[in-house]
Amino acid sequence: MTDDLLHGGALDRMQIAYPNAPTPWVDLSTGINPWPYPVGALPPSAWQHLPTAAAMQACRAAMAHAIGAPESAVLPAPGSELLIRLLPTIIAPRTVALASPTYGDHARAWRAIGADVTETTDPLAEAGKVDALVLCNPNNPDGATLERSHLEYALTRQAARNGWLIVDEAYADISPALSLAPLAGVESLIILRSFGKFYGLAGLRLGALLGQPAILESMSERLGVWPVSGPALAIGAQAYTDGLWQAEIRDHLAAARRRLDKILLDSGLWLVGGTDLFRLVKTDQAPQLWHRLAEVGIYVRRFGYAPDLLRIGLPSNAAAENRLAAALSL
């Protein structure tokens, strides 16, 4: 499978595959905020010294406050992707259920340890029937959301069979009311959080595992002594305490999403889902459209398992919006 099919974001591969495409490329292949948190000057110690316990604690406290979680239930980590891969080394469920479609690395990680993985369009119906129920809220790539009351019911069912409810909240910063973070630390609940998508700093590699002390301790042992870099801790502590920026960027993203919706609908595409960071469209001409966009330097997300779907991120400026609108009108 090519890199762009696996995750998107493989702009270097696209530039090689389409050397005659006009530049600069418009990369809409990832659901990452194109208006990142403004990183100012960092203290030299963030770069020059090994990350300190105090820096880790400051980032943990800011993160917990921002997402409404008990501080004792939060473990900062170098992105949620690594947590997805390490979690099966801590718990080893025999049966796992997850949504279809959803973020593909979840199924890959559990199948790698030999778990019996069920992919279903109604994962909540599996609550209480499997050892681990894995949900993304909001979901990727369709943006579907689950109400907290439904998740709490699923958690009760999972706890009753000594199972697990694992919630990937990579996009929950867009809609904080959806999050189960306030319940972090209760029995049978594990939450994964991502910093880079909402804050637009995916290269920083910052995220968190939320759960019971024993789970956090086991994960901490696997991550090692300095799991998060000094710059990431410093930026995370600053960004998580900047409530004004968070509120303003939510409004900005929603407005940009509305503009993108108009572009997509005006071009005749069928809008079938998404969040304020990306939209999912359906067309029987998806492979041809993906190729046509690539030829004009616009990179969107395609899916090997669903050749009629494309995921399109937010253009970062009016010029990019105009290029997308013009390419879709061809």
Protein backbone atom coordinates (compact mmCIF):
# COMPACT_ATOMS: atom_id res chain seq x y z
CA MET A 1 0.00 0.00 0.00
CA THR A 2 1.36 3.39 -0.92
CA ASP A 3 2.00 5.96 1.80
CA ASP A 4 -0.78 8.26 0.63
CA LEU A 5 -3.30 5.42 0.83
CA LEU A 6 -2.18 4.47 4.33
CA HIS A 7 -2.38 7.86 6.03
CA GLY A 8 -2.18 10.78 3.63
CA GLY A 9 0.42 13.48 4.20
CA ALA A 10 2.96 11.87 1.83
CA LEU A 11 3.56 15.11 -0.04
CA ASP A 12 7.15 14.18 -0.92
CA ARG A 13 5.89 11.05 -2.72
CA MET A 14 3.24 13.07 -4.54
CA GLN A 15 5.82 15.55 -5.78
CA ILE A 16 7.82 12.68 -7.24
CA ALA A 17 4.76 11.00 -8.77
CA TYR A 18 3.50 14.27 -10.29
CA PRO A 19 6.65 16.26 -11.13
CA ASN A 20 4.84 18.56 -13.57
CA ALA A 21 2.18 19.68 -11.13
CA PRO A 22 2.15 23.42 -10.44
CA THR A 23 3.60 24.61 -7.16
CA PRO A 24 3.11 25.29 -4.38
CA TRP A 25 1.14 22.15 -3.73
CA VAL A 26 -2.15 22.46 -1.84
CA ASP A 27 -2.02 19.59 0.65
CA LEU A 28 -5.56 18.78 1.79
CA SER A 29 -4.83 15.12 2.55
CA THR A 30 -4.76 15.36 6.35
CA GLY A 31 -7.31 16.58 8.87
CA ILE A 32 -4.87 19.00 10.48
CA ASN A 33 -5.66 22.61 11.34
CA PRO A 34 -3.94 24.72 8.65
CA TRP A 35 -3.72 27.70 11.04
CA PRO A 36 -1.41 26.32 13.73
CA TYR A 37 -1.01 27.60 17.23
CA PRO A 38 1.50 30.50 17.09
CA VAL A 39 4.67 29.17 18.65
CA GLY A 40 6.79 31.96 20.06
CA ALA A 41 10.35 31.85 21.33
CA LEU A 42 11.01 28.97 23.67
CA PRO A 43 13.36 29.13 26.65
CA PRO A 44 16.81 27.80 25.72
CA SER A 45 16.44 25.12 28.39
CA ALA A 46 13.66 23.48 26.36
CA TRP A 47 16.22 22.71 23.67
CA GLN A 48 19.43 22.37 25.66
CA HIS A 49 18.40 20.28 28.68
CA LEU A 50 16.81 16.89 29.03
CA PRO A 51 13.07 17.25 29.64
CA THR A 52 12.47 17.77 33.35
CA ALA A 53 9.81 16.34 35.63
CA ALA A 54 8.64 19.90 36.24
CA ALA A 55 8.14 20.49 32.50
CA MET A 56 6.24 17.22 32.19
CA GLN A 57 4.05 18.15 35.12
CA ALA A 58 3.32 21.63 33.72
CA CYS A 59 2.22 20.14 30.40
CA ARG A 60 0.16 17.44 32.11
CA ALA A 61 -1.60 19.99 34.31
CA ALA A 62 -2.38 22.31 31.39
CA MET A 63 -3.61 19.42 29.26
CA ALA A 64 -5.82 18.04 32.02
CA HIS A 65 -7.37 21.45 32.67
CA ALA A 66 -8.00 22.08 28.96
CA ILE A 67 -9.77 18.78 28.34
CA GLY A 68 -11.51 18.56 31.72
CA ALA A 69 -9.75 15.42 32.92
CA PRO A 70 -8.41 14.56 36.39
CA GLU A 71 -4.71 15.35 36.32
CA SER A 72 -3.84 12.01 37.90
CA ALA A 73 -5.44 10.19 34.96
CA VAL A 74 -3.35 11.90 32.23
CA LEU A 75 -0.06 10.67 30.77
CA PRO A 76 1.52 12.91 28.10
CA ALA A 77 3.03 10.93 25.24
CA PRO A 78 4.73 11.47 21.86
CA GLY A 79 1.50 11.44 19.84
CA SER A 80 -1.47 9.08 19.90
CA GLU A 81 -0.23 6.93 17.01
CA LEU A 82 2.47 5.34 19.16
CA LEU A 83 -0.07 4.74 21.92
CA ILE A 84 -2.30 2.83 19.49
CA ARG A 85 0.60 0.52 18.69
CA LEU A 86 1.73 0.06 22.30
CA LEU A 87 -1.67 -0.43 23.92
CA PRO A 88 -1.96 -4.08 22.77
CA THR A 89 1.24 -4.80 24.73
CA ILE A 90 -0.53 -3.70 27.92
CA ILE A 91 -3.97 -5.25 27.49
CA ALA A 92 -4.56 -8.32 25.37
CA PRO A 93 -8.25 -8.69 24.55
CA ARG A 94 -9.27 -11.79 22.64
CA THR A 95 -12.21 -10.08 20.95
CA VAL A 96 -12.29 -6.48 19.70
CA ALA A 97 -15.06 -4.54 17.98
CA LEU A 98 -14.69 -1.23 16.17
CA ALA A 99 -16.55 0.94 13.72
CA SER A 100 -16.38 0.53 9.97
CA PRO A 101 -15.04 2.70 8.52
CA THR A 102 -12.67 4.18 11.09
CA TYR A 103 -8.99 4.98 11.55
CA GLY A 104 -7.29 1.91 10.11
CA ASP A 105 -4.38 1.59 12.54
CA HIS A 106 -6.68 0.45 15.31
CA ALA A 107 -7.66 -2.74 13.51
CA ARG A 108 -4.08 -3.34 12.38
CA ALA A 109 -2.74 -3.00 15.93
CA TRP A 110 -5.22 -5.46 17.46
CA ARG A 111 -4.93 -7.99 14.64
CA ALA A 112 -1.16 -7.91 15.09
CA ILE A 113 -1.56 -9.57 18.51
CA GLY A 114 -4.00 -12.16 17.16
CA ALA A 115 -7.23 -10.62 18.44
CA ASP A 116 -10.50 -11.50 16.73
CA VAL A 117 -11.49 -8.10 15.30
CA THR A 118 -15.07 -7.31 14.28
CA GLU A 119 -15.64 -4.23 12.11
CA THR A 120 -19.24 -3.09 12.14
CA THR A 121 -21.41 -0.12 11.22
CA ASP A 122 -23.07 -0.37 14.66
CA PRO A 123 -20.21 -0.79 17.14
CA LEU A 124 -22.29 0.27 20.16
CA ALA A 125 -24.36 -2.87 19.65
CA GLU A 126 -21.23 -4.85 20.56
CA ALA A 127 -20.96 -3.25 24.01
CA GLY A 128 -20.86 -5.99 26.63
CA LYS A 129 -20.18 -8.67 24.02
CA VAL A 130 -16.45 -8.14 23.36
CA ASP A 131 -13.33 -7.75 25.47
CA ALA A 132 -12.52 -4.35 23.96
CA LEU A 133 -14.77 -1.88 22.18
CA VAL A 134 -12.74 0.71 20.25
CA LEU A 135 -14.46 3.91 19.13
CA CYS A 136 -13.28 7.15 17.54
CA ASN A 137 -15.31 10.17 18.62
CA PRO A 138 -15.57 12.09 16.33
CA ASN A 139 -14.91 9.28 13.89
CA ASN A 140 -12.38 9.43 11.08
CA PRO A 141 -13.05 9.65 8.11
CA ASP A 142 -16.81 10.24 8.27
CA GLY A 143 -16.91 12.56 11.27
CA ALA A 144 -19.73 10.62 12.94
CA THR A 145 -20.16 11.46 16.62
CA LEU A 146 -21.46 9.51 19.60
CA GLU A 147 -23.35 11.11 22.46
CA ARG A 148 -21.73 10.92 25.87
CA SER A 149 -24.77 9.13 27.29
CA HIS A 150 -24.40 6.34 24.72
CA LEU A 151 -20.70 6.03 25.48
CA GLU A 152 -21.37 5.94 29.21
CA TYR A 153 -23.86 3.12 28.67
CA ALA A 154 -21.28 1.24 26.59
CA LEU A 155 -18.73 1.77 29.37
CA THR A 156 -21.13 0.29 31.92
CA ARG A 157 -21.64 -2.76 29.71
CA GLN A 158 -17.91 -3.22 29.14
CA ALA A 159 -17.09 -2.86 32.83
CA ALA A 160 -19.72 -5.49 33.68
CA ARG A 161 -17.74 -8.10 31.71
CA ASN A 162 -14.34 -6.78 32.90
CA GLY A 163 -13.70 -5.49 29.40
CA TRP A 164 -12.49 -2.20 28.00
CA LEU A 165 -13.96 0.82 26.28
CA ILE A 166 -11.20 2.53 24.29
CA VAL A 167 -12.12 5.95 22.90
CA ASP A 168 -9.85 7.69 20.41
CA GLU A 169 -10.58 11.40 20.84
CA ALA A 170 -8.04 12.67 18.31
CA TYR A 171 -10.57 15.20 16.99
CA ALA A 172 -12.44 15.90 20.24
CA ASP A 173 -10.88 19.35 20.73
CA ILE A 174 -13.25 20.56 18.02
CA SER A 175 -16.28 19.53 20.09
CA PRO A 176 -15.23 19.29 23.76
CA ALA A 177 -18.73 18.40 24.95
CA LEU A 178 -18.36 14.97 23.30
CA SER A 179 -15.36 13.99 25.40
CA LEU A 180 -15.31 11.38 28.14
CA ALA A 181 -12.19 13.02 29.60
CA PRO A 182 -14.03 14.04 32.81
CA LEU A 183 -14.50 10.31 33.50
CA ALA A 184 -10.84 9.45 32.91
CA GLY A 185 -9.50 7.11 35.56
CA VAL A 186 -12.67 5.07 36.06
CA GLU A 187 -12.66 1.32 35.65
CA SER A 188 -12.51 -0.10 32.09
CA LEU A 189 -12.06 3.26 30.31
CA ILE A 190 -9.05 4.19 28.17
CA ILE A 191 -8.92 7.45 26.18
CA LEU A 192 -6.42 8.51 23.54
CA ARG A 193 -5.86 12.22 22.87
CA SER A 194 -3.96 14.01 20.11
CA PHE A 195 -2.50 17.53 20.25
CA GLY A 196 -1.33 18.04 16.67
CA LYS A 197 -4.60 17.99 14.76
CA PHE A 198 -6.56 20.76 16.50
CA TYR A 199 -3.50 22.83 17.35
CA GLY A 200 -2.06 22.37 13.86
CA LEU A 201 1.35 21.16 15.06
CA ALA A 202 1.37 17.51 14.04
CA GLY A 203 5.14 17.47 13.71
CA LEU A 204 5.48 18.20 17.41
CA ARG A 205 4.31 14.65 18.27
CA LEU A 206 2.32 15.25 21.42
CA GLY A 207 -0.69 13.39 22.75
CA ALA A 208 -1.90 11.64 25.88
CA LEU A 209 -3.18 8.41 27.34
CA LEU A 210 -6.00 8.76 29.87
CA GLY A 211 -6.78 5.88 32.16
CA GLN A 212 -6.37 4.12 35.48
CA PRO A 213 -3.03 4.36 37.33
CA ALA A 214 -1.98 0.80 36.46
CA ILE A 215 -2.51 1.42 32.74
CA LEU A 216 -0.61 4.71 32.86
CA GLU A 217 2.25 3.10 34.77
CA SER A 218 2.56 0.28 32.27
CA MET A 219 2.54 2.70 29.36
CA SER A 220 5.06 4.97 31.06
CA GLU A 221 7.46 2.03 31.42
CA ARG A 222 7.22 1.40 27.69
CA LEU A 223 7.67 5.04 26.71
CA GLY A 224 10.84 5.46 28.74
CA VAL A 225 12.40 8.21 30.86
CA TRP A 226 11.98 11.14 28.44
CA PRO A 227 8.96 10.27 26.29
CA VAL A 228 8.11 13.83 25.23
CA SER A 229 10.66 16.37 24.02
CA GLY A 230 11.36 19.57 25.92
CA PRO A 231 10.02 21.82 23.13
CA ALA A 232 6.83 19.75 22.89
CA LEU A 233 6.24 20.03 26.63
CA ALA A 234 6.82 23.78 26.60
CA ILE A 235 4.55 24.41 23.60
CA GLY A 236 1.89 22.06 24.93
CA ALA A 237 1.82 23.79 28.31
CA GLN A 238 1.42 27.16 26.61
CA ALA A 239 -1.19 26.12 24.03
CA TYR A 240 -3.38 24.17 26.44
CA THR A 241 -3.68 27.21 28.72
CA ASP A 242 -4.59 29.59 25.88
CA GLY A 243 -8.36 29.38 26.10
CA LEU A 244 -8.89 32.51 24.00
CA TRP A 245 -6.99 31.04 21.04
CA GLN A 246 -8.89 27.77 21.37
CA ALA A 247 -12.26 29.53 21.23
CA GLU A 248 -11.24 31.76 18.32
CA ILE A 249 -9.81 28.90 16.25
CA ARG A 250 -12.99 26.85 16.71
CA ASP A 251 -14.96 29.71 15.17
CA HIS A 252 -12.35 30.12 12.42
CA LEU A 253 -12.41 26.42 11.55
CA ALA A 254 -16.21 26.35 11.43
CA ALA A 255 -16.28 29.30 9.02
CA ALA A 256 -13.63 27.69 6.80
CA ARG A 257 -15.56 24.44 6.82
CA ARG A 258 -18.69 26.25 5.63
CA ARG A 259 -16.73 27.80 2.75
CA LEU A 260 -15.33 24.39 1.82
CA ASP A 261 -18.81 22.88 1.90
CA LYS A 262 -20.00 25.47 -0.60
CA ILE A 263 -17.11 24.72 -2.93
CA LEU A 264 -17.78 20.98 -2.77
CA LEU A 265 -21.53 21.24 -3.17
CA ASP A 266 -21.26 23.77 -6.00
CA SER A 267 -19.06 21.26 -7.86
CA GLY A 268 -21.74 18.59 -7.60
CA LEU A 269 -19.99 16.35 -5.09
CA TRP A 270 -22.02 14.37 -2.57
CA LEU A 271 -21.04 15.47 0.93
CA VAL A 272 -21.40 12.46 3.24
CA GLY A 273 -19.62 13.50 6.44
CA GLY A 274 -16.71 15.13 8.14
CA THR A 275 -15.75 17.52 10.92
CA ASP A 276 -14.66 21.15 11.05
CA LEU A 277 -11.19 19.93 10.02
CA PHE A 278 -12.11 17.80 7.00
CA ARG A 279 -15.00 16.79 4.76
CA LEU A 280 -15.82 13.41 3.23
CA VAL A 281 -17.30 13.27 -0.25
CA LYS A 282 -18.62 10.41 -2.35
CA THR A 283 -18.47 10.11 -6.11
CA ASP A 284 -18.20 7.21 -8.53
CA GLN A 285 -15.50 9.24 -10.26
CA ALA A 286 -13.29 9.44 -7.15
CA PRO A 287 -10.17 7.78 -8.65
CA GLN A 288 -10.28 10.02 -11.72
CA LEU A 289 -10.95 13.10 -9.61
CA TRP A 290 -8.07 12.29 -7.24
CA HIS A 291 -5.71 11.96 -10.21
CA ARG A 292 -7.01 15.14 -11.85
CA LEU A 293 -6.50 17.13 -8.65
CA ALA A 294 -2.99 15.72 -8.24
CA GLU A 295 -2.10 16.83 -11.77
CA VAL A 296 -2.87 20.42 -10.77
CA GLY A 297 -1.00 20.20 -7.47
CA ILE A 298 -3.89 19.48 -5.10
CA TYR A 299 -3.47 16.49 -2.81
CA VAL A 300 -6.56 14.94 -1.16
CA ARG A 301 -7.04 11.71 0.76
CA ARG A 302 -8.15 8.55 -1.01
CA PHE A 303 -8.99 5.16 0.49
CA GLY A 304 -8.03 1.72 -0.77
CA TYR A 305 -11.05 0.12 0.90
CA ALA A 306 -13.54 2.68 -0.47
CA PRO A 307 -12.64 3.84 -3.99
CA ASP A 308 -15.72 6.07 -4.16
CA LEU A 309 -14.67 8.27 -1.21
CA LEU A 310 -12.33 11.24 -0.90
CA ARG A 311 -11.47 13.18 2.25
CA ILE A 312 -10.64 16.84 1.77
CA GLY A 313 -9.03 19.06 4.39
CA LEU A 314 -9.43 22.81 4.83
CA PRO A 315 -7.63 25.09 2.33
CA SER A 316 -5.43 27.51 4.27
CA ASN A 317 -6.20 30.69 2.31
CA ALA A 318 -8.35 32.19 -0.42
CA ALA A 319 -5.84 31.29 -3.13
CA ALA A 320 -6.00 27.62 -2.15
CA GLU A 321 -9.79 27.73 -2.02
CA ASN A 322 -9.89 29.25 -5.50
CA ARG A 323 -7.49 26.63 -6.87
CA LEU A 324 -9.66 23.86 -5.45
CA ALA A 325 -12.87 25.38 -6.82
CA ALA A 326 -11.29 25.83 -10.26
CA ALA A 327 -9.94 22.26 -10.32
CA LEU A 328 -13.29 20.79 -9.31
CA SER A 329 -15.04 22.72 -12.07
CA LEU A 330 -12.91 21.22 -14.85
